[in-house]
Amino acid sequence: MESELASAVGQELEQEPDVSRASRKDRGSLDGSRRFKDKNRENDRRCGEEG
């Protein structure tokens, strides 16, 4: 379930980078943004392996 969420988040980021920036501001927590970056990194790795 978590992997699906990560891939969905990654797709949204690719389409609308501004939206992700806004959502990160709403959270306002470094921990949240850090987790966000980790998910992106995982997603990039998965995309690299697939293609």
C-alpha atoms as a PDB file:
ATOM      1  CA  MET A   1       0.000   0.000   0.000  1.00  0.00           C
ATOM      2  CA  GLU A   2       2.828   2.373   0.858  1.00  0.00           C
ATOM      3  CA  SER A   3       4.588   1.703  -2.451  1.00  0.00           C
ATOM      4  CA  GLU A   4       1.407   2.615  -4.372  1.00  0.00           C
ATOM      5  CA  LEU A   5       1.178   5.885  -2.490  1.00  0.00           C
ATOM      6  CA  ALA A   6       4.833   6.645  -3.177  1.00  0.00           C
ATOM      7  CA  SER A   7       4.441   6.082  -6.916  1.00  0.00           C
ATOM      8  CA  ALA A   8       1.273   8.218  -7.002  1.00  0.00           C
ATOM      9  CA  VAL A   9       3.039  11.009  -5.137  1.00  0.00           C
ATOM     10  CA  GLY A  10       5.974  10.754  -7.521  1.00  0.00           C
ATOM     11  CA  GLN A  11       3.703  11.103 -10.546  1.00  0.00           C
ATOM     12  CA  GLU A  12       2.028  14.171  -9.037  1.00  0.00           C
ATOM     13  CA  LEU A  13       5.433  15.721  -8.371  1.00  0.00           C
ATOM     14  CA  GLU A  14       6.511  15.250 -11.989  1.00  0.00           C
ATOM     15  CA  GLN A  15       3.329  16.912 -13.241  1.00  0.00           C
ATOM     16  CA  GLU A  16       3.007  19.765 -10.725  1.00  0.00           C
ATOM     17  CA  PRO A  17       6.175  20.672  -8.800  1.00  0.00           C
ATOM     18  CA  ASP A  18       4.514  23.842  -7.440  1.00  0.00           C
ATOM     19  CA  VAL A  19       1.764  21.823  -5.781  1.00  0.00           C
ATOM     20  CA  SER A  20       4.301  19.697  -3.919  1.00  0.00           C
ATOM     21  CA  ARG A  21       6.060  22.831  -2.720  1.00  0.00           C
ATOM     22  CA  ALA A  22       2.778  24.205  -1.397  1.00  0.00           C
ATOM     23  CA  SER A  23       1.848  20.979   0.375  1.00  0.00           C
ATOM     24  CA  ARG A  24       5.289  20.889   1.990  1.00  0.00           C
ATOM     25  CA  LYS A  25       4.761  24.433   3.283  1.00  0.00           C
ATOM     26  CA  ASP A  26       1.382  23.419   4.720  1.00  0.00           C
ATOM     27  CA  ARG A  27       3.023  20.642   6.711  1.00  0.00           C
ATOM     28  CA  GLY A  28       5.755  22.979   7.859  1.00  0.00           C
ATOM     29  CA  SER A  29       7.673  20.079   9.426  1.00  0.00           C
ATOM     30  CA  LEU A  30      11.172  19.086   8.368  1.00  0.00           C
ATOM     31  CA  ASP A  31      10.331  15.483   9.146  1.00  0.00           C
ATOM     32  CA  GLY A  32       7.470  15.553   6.629  1.00  0.00           C
ATOM     33  CA  SER A  33       9.607  17.010   3.842  1.00  0.00           C
ATOM     34  CA  ARG A  34      12.394  14.568   4.628  1.00  0.00           C
ATOM     35  CA  ARG A  35       9.990  11.643   4.324  1.00  0.00           C
ATOM     36  CA  PHE A  36       8.743  13.177   1.068  1.00  0.00           C
ATOM     37  CA  LYS A  37      12.274  13.274  -0.348  1.00  0.00           C
ATOM     38  CA  ASP A  38      12.925   9.673   0.718  1.00  0.00           C
ATOM     39  CA  LYS A  39       9.787   8.526  -1.121  1.00  0.00           C
ATOM     40  CA  ASN A  40      10.901  10.419  -4.215  1.00  0.00           C
ATOM     41  CA  ARG A  41      14.318   8.819  -4.054  1.00  0.00           C
ATOM     42  CA  GLU A  42      12.701   5.370  -3.813  1.00  0.00           C
ATOM     43  CA  ASN A  43      10.445   6.197  -6.747  1.00  0.00           C
ATOM     44  CA  ASP A  44      13.385   7.387  -8.875  1.00  0.00           C
ATOM     45  CA  ARG A  45      15.253   4.174  -8.121  1.00  0.00           C
ATOM     46  CA  ARG A  46      12.236   2.084  -9.107  1.00  0.00           C
ATOM     47  CA  CYS A  47      11.777   4.027 -12.361  1.00  0.00           C
ATOM     48  CA  GLY A  48      15.475   3.597 -13.150  1.00  0.00           C
ATOM     49  CA  GLU A  49      15.268  -0.164 -12.662  1.00  0.00           C
ATOM     50  CA  GLU A  50      12.153  -0.461 -14.836  1.00  0.00           C
ATOM     51  CA  GLY A  51      13.350   1.703 -17.704  1.00  0.00           C
END
